[in-house]
Amino acid sequence: MWPWLVPGVILIAVGAVWTLQGLDVLRGSVMSGSSLWATIGPIVLLAGLALVAVGILRRRRRT
Protein backbone atom coordinates (compact mmCIF):
# COMPACT_ATOMS: atom_id res chain seq x y z
CA MET A 1 0.00 0.00 0.00
CA TRP A 2 2.66 2.55 1.03
CA PRO A 3 4.78 2.14 -2.11
CA TRP A 4 1.73 3.35 -4.07
CA LEU A 5 0.38 6.01 -1.71
CA VAL A 6 3.54 7.98 -0.97
CA PRO A 7 4.51 8.63 -4.62
CA GLY A 8 0.84 9.23 -5.41
CA VAL A 9 0.50 11.94 -2.78
CA ILE A 10 3.74 13.55 -3.93
CA LEU A 11 2.56 13.56 -7.55
CA ILE A 12 -0.78 15.07 -6.51
CA ALA A 13 1.00 17.90 -4.70
CA VAL A 14 3.46 18.55 -7.52
CA GLY A 15 0.72 18.40 -10.14
CA ALA A 16 -1.40 20.87 -8.18
CA VAL A 17 1.49 23.33 -7.83
CA TRP A 18 2.41 23.04 -11.51
CA THR A 19 -1.20 23.57 -12.51
CA LEU A 20 -1.55 26.66 -10.34
CA GLN A 21 1.73 28.05 -11.66
CA GLY A 22 0.71 27.39 -15.24
CA LEU A 23 -2.60 29.15 -14.64
CA ASP A 24 -0.67 32.09 -13.12
CA VAL A 25 -2.33 31.66 -9.72
CA LEU A 26 1.05 31.04 -8.06
CA ARG A 27 3.47 33.63 -9.35
CA GLY A 28 7.19 34.17 -9.08
CA SER A 29 8.42 31.28 -11.18
CA VAL A 30 9.56 30.73 -14.75
CA MET A 31 6.59 28.36 -15.07
CA SER A 32 4.06 31.05 -14.07
CA GLY A 33 1.58 31.79 -16.83
CA SER A 34 2.88 29.02 -19.10
CA SER A 35 0.26 26.92 -20.84
CA LEU A 36 2.73 24.02 -20.96
CA TRP A 37 2.63 23.69 -17.15
CA ALA A 38 -1.12 24.30 -17.11
CA THR A 39 -1.32 21.14 -19.26
CA ILE A 40 1.35 18.98 -17.63
CA GLY A 41 0.16 19.73 -14.08
CA PRO A 42 -3.28 18.10 -14.34
CA ILE A 43 -1.76 15.07 -16.08
CA VAL A 44 0.71 14.58 -13.21
CA LEU A 45 -2.10 15.16 -10.71
CA LEU A 46 -4.26 12.48 -12.35
CA ALA A 47 -1.33 10.06 -12.36
CA GLY A 48 -0.96 10.67 -8.62
CA LEU A 49 -4.66 10.03 -8.06
CA ALA A 50 -4.35 6.78 -10.01
CA LEU A 51 -1.46 5.63 -7.81
CA VAL A 52 -3.42 6.44 -4.66
CA ALA A 53 -6.43 4.55 -6.01
CA VAL A 54 -4.27 1.51 -6.80
CA GLY A 55 -2.81 1.59 -3.29
CA ILE A 56 -6.25 1.76 -1.70
CA LEU A 57 -7.65 -1.02 -3.90
CA ARG A 58 -4.68 -3.28 -3.18
CA ARG A 59 -5.19 -2.83 0.55
CA ARG A 60 -8.89 -3.64 0.31
CA ARG A 61 -8.15 -6.86 -1.57
CA ARG A 62 -5.73 -8.05 1.11
CA THR A 63 -8.18 -7.73 3.96
C-alpha atoms as a PDB file:
ATOM      1  CA  MET A   1       0.000   0.000   0.000  1.00  0.00           C
ATOM      2  CA  TRP A   2       2.657   2.546   1.028  1.00  0.00           C
ATOM      3  CA  PRO A   3       4.778   2.139  -2.106  1.00  0.00           C
ATOM      4  CA  TRP A   4       1.732   3.350  -4.069  1.00  0.00           C
ATOM      5  CA  LEU A   5       0.384   6.007  -1.706  1.00  0.00           C
ATOM      6  CA  VAL A   6       3.542   7.982  -0.970  1.00  0.00           C
ATOM      7  CA  PRO A   7       4.511   8.626  -4.620  1.00  0.00           C
ATOM      8  CA  GLY A   8       0.837   9.229  -5.409  1.00  0.00           C
ATOM      9  CA  VAL A   9       0.495  11.939  -2.784  1.00  0.00           C
ATOM     10  CA  ILE A  10       3.744  13.554  -3.934  1.00  0.00           C
ATOM     11  CA  LEU A  11       2.564  13.562  -7.549  1.00  0.00           C
ATOM     12  CA  ILE A  12      -0.779  15.070  -6.508  1.00  0.00           C
ATOM     13  CA  ALA A  13       0.996  17.903  -4.697  1.00  0.00           C
ATOM     14  CA  VAL A  14       3.464  18.548  -7.522  1.00  0.00           C
ATOM     15  CA  GLY A  15       0.720  18.403 -10.139  1.00  0.00           C
ATOM     16  CA  ALA A  16      -1.402  20.875  -8.185  1.00  0.00           C
ATOM     17  CA  VAL A  17       1.493  23.327  -7.825  1.00  0.00           C
ATOM     18  CA  TRP A  18       2.411  23.041 -11.508  1.00  0.00           C
ATOM     19  CA  THR A  19      -1.204  23.572 -12.511  1.00  0.00           C
ATOM     20  CA  LEU A  20      -1.552  26.658 -10.345  1.00  0.00           C
ATOM     21  CA  GLN A  21       1.732  28.048 -11.659  1.00  0.00           C
ATOM     22  CA  GLY A  22       0.714  27.386 -15.237  1.00  0.00           C
ATOM     23  CA  LEU A  23      -2.602  29.154 -14.640  1.00  0.00           C
ATOM     24  CA  ASP A  24      -0.675  32.089 -13.117  1.00  0.00           C
ATOM     25  CA  VAL A  25      -2.329  31.665  -9.717  1.00  0.00           C
ATOM     26  CA  LEU A  26       1.053  31.035  -8.057  1.00  0.00           C
ATOM     27  CA  ARG A  27       3.472  33.630  -9.349  1.00  0.00           C
ATOM     28  CA  GLY A  28       7.191  34.175  -9.085  1.00  0.00           C
ATOM     29  CA  SER A  29       8.421  31.278 -11.184  1.00  0.00           C
ATOM     30  CA  VAL A  30       9.558  30.733 -14.749  1.00  0.00           C
ATOM     31  CA  MET A  31       6.588  28.361 -15.068  1.00  0.00           C
ATOM     32  CA  SER A  32       4.059  31.046 -14.071  1.00  0.00           C
ATOM     33  CA  GLY A  33       1.576  31.791 -16.829  1.00  0.00           C
ATOM     34  CA  SER A  34       2.877  29.025 -19.099  1.00  0.00           C
ATOM     35  CA  SER A  35       0.258  26.920 -20.842  1.00  0.00           C
ATOM     36  CA  LEU A  36       2.728  24.021 -20.957  1.00  0.00           C
ATOM     37  CA  TRP A  37       2.625  23.685 -17.149  1.00  0.00           C
ATOM     38  CA  ALA A  38      -1.117  24.299 -17.112  1.00  0.00           C
ATOM     39  CA  THR A  39      -1.321  21.141 -19.257  1.00  0.00           C
ATOM     40  CA  ILE A  40       1.352  18.980 -17.630  1.00  0.00           C
ATOM     41  CA  GLY A  41       0.159  19.733 -14.079  1.00  0.00           C
ATOM     42  CA  PRO A  42      -3.275  18.097 -14.336  1.00  0.00           C
ATOM     43  CA  ILE A  43      -1.760  15.070 -16.083  1.00  0.00           C
ATOM     44  CA  VAL A  44       0.706  14.577 -13.213  1.00  0.00           C
ATOM     45  CA  LEU A  45      -2.098  15.159 -10.706  1.00  0.00           C
ATOM     46  CA  LEU A  46      -4.258  12.481 -12.353  1.00  0.00           C
ATOM     47  CA  ALA A  47      -1.325  10.057 -12.359  1.00  0.00           C
ATOM     48  CA  GLY A  48      -0.962  10.667  -8.622  1.00  0.00           C
ATOM     49  CA  LEU A  49      -4.659  10.033  -8.064  1.00  0.00           C
ATOM     50  CA  ALA A  50      -4.352   6.783 -10.013  1.00  0.00           C
ATOM     51  CA  LEU A  51      -1.462   5.629  -7.807  1.00  0.00           C
ATOM     52  CA  VAL A  52      -3.420   6.441  -4.657  1.00  0.00           C
ATOM     53  CA  ALA A  53      -6.427   4.551  -6.015  1.00  0.00           C
ATOM     54  CA  VAL A  54      -4.272   1.505  -6.798  1.00  0.00           C
ATOM     55  CA  GLY A  55      -2.811   1.595  -3.295  1.00  0.00           C
ATOM     56  CA  ILE A  56      -6.255   1.756  -1.700  1.00  0.00           C
ATOM     57  CA  LEU A  57      -7.648  -1.018  -3.899  1.00  0.00           C
ATOM     58  CA  ARG A  58      -4.681  -3.281  -3.184  1.00  0.00           C
ATOM     59  CA  ARG A  59      -5.190  -2.832   0.555  1.00  0.00           C
ATOM     60  CA  ARG A  60      -8.890  -3.640   0.311  1.00  0.00           C
ATOM     61  CA  ARG A  61      -8.145  -6.864  -1.569  1.00  0.00           C
ATOM     62  CA  ARG A  62      -5.726  -8.051   1.114  1.00  0.00           C
ATOM     63  CA  THR A  63      -8.184  -7.734   3.962  1.00  0.00           C
END
